[in-house]
Amino acid sequence: MGLLGEFGELLLPRRCAGCGRENVSLCTRCLQLLGGIPRAMEPRYGTIPIVGVCEYNSQISKMVVGFKDEGRRDILDPLALALTRSIVAALDLIGYSGGAIRLFPAPSSDRARRRRGGSHTATLAERAKELSPELPLEVHDVLAAKRSRDQVGLGAIERAENAQRTQYLDRRRIAEISEPRAVSGTVCASADVLIDDFSTTGATLAESARLLASVQIRPAVGAVLGLGRGGTRFVSPFTV
């Protein structure tokens, strides 16, 4: 760290992105929140299971808000590593046996992308890919969103109504997705996974899945950081 950076930290000490404790990006307790046993939720809306590694709570919410809206890039790696664990658990859940793993990040509105300098879910997915070179991950940021109300604080029905018809496909990027390659006369399968930061009822990912299905892309599972209590039930925890 240079002198300017050190001087800046003296004026504005770094605080834990989860609880606000001084002089640390994430304290041990908040970091442990990202290391839970993966769980799969059967969502209230949509038909695919959604896997997460922590429970949605105020500390996890503060971490993600700090990352996406307050420029806390110092916590990108812990968040991306937690997402990677969800992805691996999701692949285990659907019986992945090989082939490309295509990640489809949930969309941000054009306004949010401009304010944040891009899509935070795509950034998390790209970093998860970089941190997992042994996995054949591909990130396809093809979903975009129209301006709508934030999902935070909405009930289950309101979440579903808010998510309906608020997304659209970037047709140019869709056209750039390559078809599964044939090897020795056999077409390699791909595992398609939806990516988001949180899921409570599954409404946002259900809308993403509906749009992707219109272009013959059918995600089998979703992977997120945190799961809320809006699903119909949780599958028994499993360790990955």
Protein backbone atom coordinates (compact mmCIF):
# COMPACT_ATOMS: atom_id res chain seq x y z
CA MET A 1 0.00 0.00 0.00
CA GLY A 2 1.39 3.45 -0.90
CA LEU A 3 1.69 6.47 1.40
CA LEU A 4 -1.48 7.98 -0.02
CA GLY A 5 -3.44 4.80 0.72
CA GLU A 6 -2.05 4.59 4.25
CA PHE A 7 -2.91 8.23 4.89
CA GLY A 8 -6.43 7.61 3.58
CA GLU A 9 -6.93 4.73 6.00
CA LEU A 10 -5.85 6.94 8.89
CA LEU A 11 -8.57 9.40 7.99
CA LEU A 12 -11.17 6.77 7.10
CA PRO A 13 -10.33 3.51 8.89
CA ARG A 14 -11.51 0.39 7.11
CA ARG A 15 -14.54 -1.19 8.75
CA CYS A 16 -15.98 -4.68 8.55
CA ALA A 17 -18.49 -4.73 5.71
CA GLY A 18 -20.83 -6.86 7.82
CA CYS A 19 -20.84 -5.46 11.35
CA GLY A 20 -18.78 -2.26 11.17
CA ARG A 21 -15.86 -3.38 13.33
CA GLU A 22 -12.85 -1.18 12.65
CA ASN A 23 -9.57 -2.02 10.89
CA VAL A 24 -10.71 -5.11 8.99
CA SER A 25 -12.55 -5.74 5.71
CA LEU A 26 -14.46 -8.67 7.19
CA CYS A 27 -14.10 -9.75 10.80
CA THR A 28 -13.81 -13.44 11.64
CA ARG A 29 -17.42 -13.71 12.77
CA CYS A 30 -18.82 -12.14 9.60
CA LEU A 31 -16.46 -14.14 7.41
CA GLN A 32 -17.77 -17.31 9.05
CA LEU A 33 -21.29 -16.37 7.94
CA LEU A 34 -20.14 -16.99 4.36
CA GLY A 35 -18.84 -20.45 5.20
CA GLY A 36 -22.03 -22.29 6.05
CA ILE A 37 -23.05 -25.73 4.85
CA PRO A 38 -24.74 -25.44 1.43
CA ARG A 39 -28.51 -25.82 1.41
CA ALA A 40 -30.95 -26.22 -1.45
CA MET A 41 -34.28 -24.42 -1.41
CA GLU A 42 -37.39 -25.39 -3.30
CA PRO A 43 -38.57 -21.90 -4.29
CA ARG A 44 -42.12 -20.65 -4.04
CA TYR A 45 -41.89 -19.40 -7.62
CA GLY A 46 -40.16 -21.28 -10.41
CA THR A 47 -39.33 -24.94 -10.75
CA ILE A 48 -35.57 -25.18 -10.24
CA PRO A 49 -33.85 -25.66 -6.85
CA ILE A 50 -31.69 -22.82 -5.55
CA VAL A 51 -28.53 -23.45 -3.53
CA GLY A 52 -26.94 -21.05 -1.05
CA VAL A 53 -24.27 -21.17 1.65
CA CYS A 54 -25.71 -18.76 4.19
CA GLU A 55 -29.00 -17.47 5.51
CA TYR A 56 -30.15 -14.06 4.38
CA ASN A 57 -29.70 -11.67 7.31
CA SER A 58 -28.77 -8.05 7.98
CA GLN A 59 -25.02 -8.68 8.06
CA ILE A 60 -24.96 -10.58 4.77
CA SER A 61 -27.19 -7.89 3.26
CA LYS A 62 -24.78 -5.16 4.40
CA MET A 63 -21.87 -7.02 2.82
CA VAL A 64 -23.58 -7.26 -0.56
CA VAL A 65 -24.88 -3.67 -0.45
CA GLY A 66 -21.38 -2.50 0.47
CA PHE A 67 -19.94 -4.44 -2.46
CA LYS A 68 -22.45 -3.41 -5.10
CA ASP A 69 -23.32 0.15 -4.06
CA GLU A 70 -20.48 1.42 -1.87
CA GLY A 71 -17.42 0.31 -3.80
CA ARG A 72 -16.27 -2.33 -1.30
CA ARG A 73 -14.14 -4.26 -3.77
CA ASP A 74 -11.98 -5.40 -0.86
CA ILE A 75 -14.59 -8.07 -0.08
CA LEU A 76 -14.97 -9.34 -3.65
CA ASP A 77 -12.88 -12.46 -3.08
CA PRO A 78 -14.71 -13.69 0.06
CA LEU A 79 -18.06 -13.20 -1.66
CA ALA A 80 -16.87 -14.88 -4.86
CA LEU A 81 -15.45 -17.83 -2.93
CA ALA A 82 -18.77 -18.29 -1.14
CA LEU A 83 -20.55 -18.16 -4.50
CA THR A 84 -18.12 -20.77 -5.85
CA ARG A 85 -19.08 -23.12 -3.03
CA SER A 86 -22.74 -22.64 -3.94
CA ILE A 87 -21.98 -23.38 -7.59
CA VAL A 88 -20.11 -26.58 -6.73
CA ALA A 89 -22.92 -27.70 -4.42
CA ALA A 90 -25.50 -26.88 -7.11
CA LEU A 91 -23.60 -28.98 -9.65
CA ASP A 92 -23.48 -31.84 -7.15
CA LEU A 93 -27.23 -31.52 -6.60
CA ILE A 94 -28.05 -31.94 -10.31
CA GLY A 95 -25.54 -34.75 -10.83
CA TYR A 96 -23.13 -32.83 -13.04
CA SER A 97 -20.80 -35.26 -14.82
CA GLY A 98 -18.84 -33.07 -17.22
CA GLY A 99 -19.10 -30.49 -19.97
CA ALA A 100 -19.21 -26.72 -19.95
CA ILE A 101 -20.70 -24.97 -16.94
CA ARG A 102 -22.55 -21.90 -18.15
CA LEU A 103 -23.33 -19.24 -15.55
CA PHE A 104 -26.14 -16.77 -16.21
CA PRO A 105 -26.04 -13.85 -13.74
CA ALA A 106 -29.31 -12.25 -12.67
CA PRO A 107 -29.72 -8.85 -14.32
CA SER A 108 -29.22 -5.33 -13.07
CA SER A 109 -31.04 -2.39 -14.60
CA ASP A 110 -29.18 -0.19 -17.07
CA ARG A 111 -29.28 2.63 -14.51
CA ALA A 112 -27.78 0.42 -11.80
CA ARG A 113 -25.06 -0.80 -14.18
CA ARG A 114 -24.07 2.77 -14.98
CA ARG A 115 -24.02 3.74 -11.30
CA ARG A 116 -22.03 0.67 -10.24
CA GLY A 117 -19.79 0.44 -13.27
CA GLY A 118 -21.28 -2.88 -14.36
CA SER A 119 -23.35 -5.79 -13.08
CA HIS A 120 -22.36 -6.88 -9.58
CA THR A 121 -23.70 -10.41 -10.14
CA ALA A 122 -21.64 -10.76 -13.32
CA THR A 123 -18.57 -9.43 -11.46
CA LEU A 124 -19.08 -12.07 -8.74
CA ALA A 125 -19.50 -14.80 -11.35
CA GLU A 126 -16.39 -13.71 -13.26
CA ARG A 127 -14.32 -13.68 -10.08
CA ALA A 128 -15.67 -17.12 -9.11
CA LYS A 129 -14.47 -18.31 -12.51
CA GLU A 130 -10.99 -16.84 -11.94
CA LEU A 131 -10.75 -18.44 -8.50
CA SER A 132 -11.78 -21.87 -9.85
CA PRO A 133 -9.57 -22.55 -12.89
CA GLU A 134 -10.19 -26.29 -12.51
CA LEU A 135 -13.87 -25.80 -13.38
CA PRO A 136 -14.91 -25.13 -17.01
CA LEU A 137 -16.95 -22.07 -16.05
CA GLU A 138 -18.34 -19.70 -18.66
CA VAL A 139 -20.06 -16.44 -17.67
CA HIS A 140 -22.80 -15.23 -20.00
CA ASP A 141 -24.13 -11.82 -18.95
CA VAL A 142 -27.10 -11.90 -21.32
CA LEU A 143 -29.93 -10.86 -19.00
CA ALA A 144 -30.86 -7.22 -18.50
CA ALA A 145 -33.55 -5.56 -16.42
CA LYS A 146 -35.98 -2.75 -16.87
CA ARG A 147 -36.26 -0.31 -14.00
CA SER A 148 -38.39 -1.71 -11.19
CA ARG A 149 -38.78 -1.51 -7.44
CA ASP A 150 -36.07 -3.06 -5.31
CA GLN A 151 -37.12 -6.47 -3.98
CA VAL A 152 -35.95 -5.70 -0.44
CA GLY A 153 -38.88 -5.41 1.95
CA LEU A 154 -41.47 -6.84 -0.44
CA GLY A 155 -43.74 -9.76 0.44
CA ALA A 156 -43.85 -12.97 -1.57
CA ILE A 157 -46.71 -11.94 -3.87
CA GLU A 158 -45.27 -8.45 -4.35
CA ARG A 159 -41.88 -9.96 -5.23
CA ALA A 160 -43.44 -12.16 -7.90
CA GLU A 161 -45.43 -9.27 -9.39
CA ASN A 162 -42.37 -7.00 -9.29
CA ALA A 163 -40.23 -9.57 -11.13
CA GLN A 164 -42.73 -10.36 -13.87
CA ARG A 165 -41.85 -8.95 -17.30
CA THR A 166 -39.07 -6.76 -15.88
CA GLN A 167 -36.23 -8.57 -17.63
CA TYR A 168 -35.16 -8.87 -21.23
CA LEU A 169 -32.45 -10.60 -23.23
CA ASP A 170 -29.44 -8.96 -24.80
CA ARG A 171 -29.88 -10.55 -28.23
CA ARG A 172 -26.37 -9.60 -29.37
CA ARG A 173 -24.77 -11.41 -26.45
CA ILE A 174 -27.13 -14.37 -26.83
CA ALA A 175 -25.94 -14.74 -30.42
CA GLU A 176 -22.33 -14.92 -29.20
CA ILE A 177 -22.94 -18.02 -27.05
CA SER A 178 -21.36 -20.94 -28.83
CA GLU A 179 -23.20 -24.20 -29.32
CA PRO A 180 -22.00 -27.25 -27.35
CA ARG A 181 -19.05 -28.79 -29.19
CA ALA A 182 -19.05 -32.30 -30.57
CA VAL A 183 -16.23 -34.56 -29.41
CA SER A 184 -15.77 -38.00 -30.99
CA GLY A 185 -19.21 -37.74 -32.54
CA THR A 186 -20.89 -36.94 -29.21
CA VAL A 187 -22.23 -33.51 -28.35
CA CYS A 188 -20.84 -32.31 -25.03
CA ALA A 189 -23.56 -31.43 -22.59
CA SER A 190 -23.54 -28.20 -20.65
CA ALA A 191 -24.77 -27.43 -17.15
CA ASP A 192 -26.63 -24.12 -17.05
CA VAL A 193 -26.75 -22.32 -13.70
CA LEU A 194 -28.53 -19.11 -12.72
CA ILE A 195 -26.52 -16.79 -10.45
CA ASP A 196 -27.72 -14.16 -7.96
CA ASP A 197 -26.69 -12.66 -4.62
CA PHE A 198 -29.83 -13.61 -2.67
CA SER A 199 -33.01 -15.56 -3.24
CA THR A 200 -36.05 -15.38 -1.01
CA THR A 201 -39.01 -16.64 -3.04
CA GLY A 202 -37.24 -17.46 -6.30
CA ALA A 203 -39.28 -14.91 -8.26
CA THR A 204 -36.33 -13.13 -9.91
CA LEU A 205 -34.63 -16.34 -10.99
CA ALA A 206 -37.95 -17.77 -12.18
CA GLU A 207 -38.33 -14.82 -14.55
CA SER A 208 -34.72 -15.27 -15.73
CA ALA A 209 -35.37 -18.97 -16.39
CA ARG A 210 -38.53 -18.14 -18.35
CA LEU A 211 -36.66 -15.76 -20.63
CA LEU A 212 -33.73 -18.10 -21.22
CA ALA A 213 -36.10 -20.95 -22.05
CA SER A 214 -37.43 -18.80 -24.91
CA VAL A 215 -34.02 -19.21 -26.59
CA GLN A 216 -33.66 -22.91 -25.72
CA ILE A 217 -31.44 -22.38 -22.66
CA ARG A 218 -32.89 -24.21 -19.67
CA PRO A 219 -31.02 -23.74 -16.37
CA ALA A 220 -31.31 -26.73 -14.07
CA VAL A 221 -30.37 -24.99 -10.82
CA GLY A 222 -29.64 -21.63 -9.22
CA ALA A 223 -26.62 -20.69 -7.08
CA VAL A 224 -26.68 -17.72 -4.69
CA LEU A 225 -24.90 -16.47 -1.60
CA GLY A 226 -27.84 -16.26 0.77
CA LEU A 227 -31.23 -17.95 1.00
CA GLY A 228 -34.24 -16.30 2.61
CA ARG A 229 -37.21 -18.02 4.19
CA GLY A 230 -39.61 -17.50 1.32
CA GLY A 231 -39.29 -20.96 -0.25
CA THR A 232 -41.69 -23.82 0.20
CA ARG A 233 -39.10 -26.01 1.91
CA PHE A 234 -35.38 -26.63 2.36
CA VAL A 235 -33.65 -29.79 1.22
CA SER A 236 -31.54 -31.41 3.95
CA PRO A 237 -28.09 -29.78 4.22
CA PHE A 238 -25.27 -31.45 2.36
CA THR A 239 -21.52 -30.92 2.54
CA VAL A 240 -19.34 -30.04 -0.44
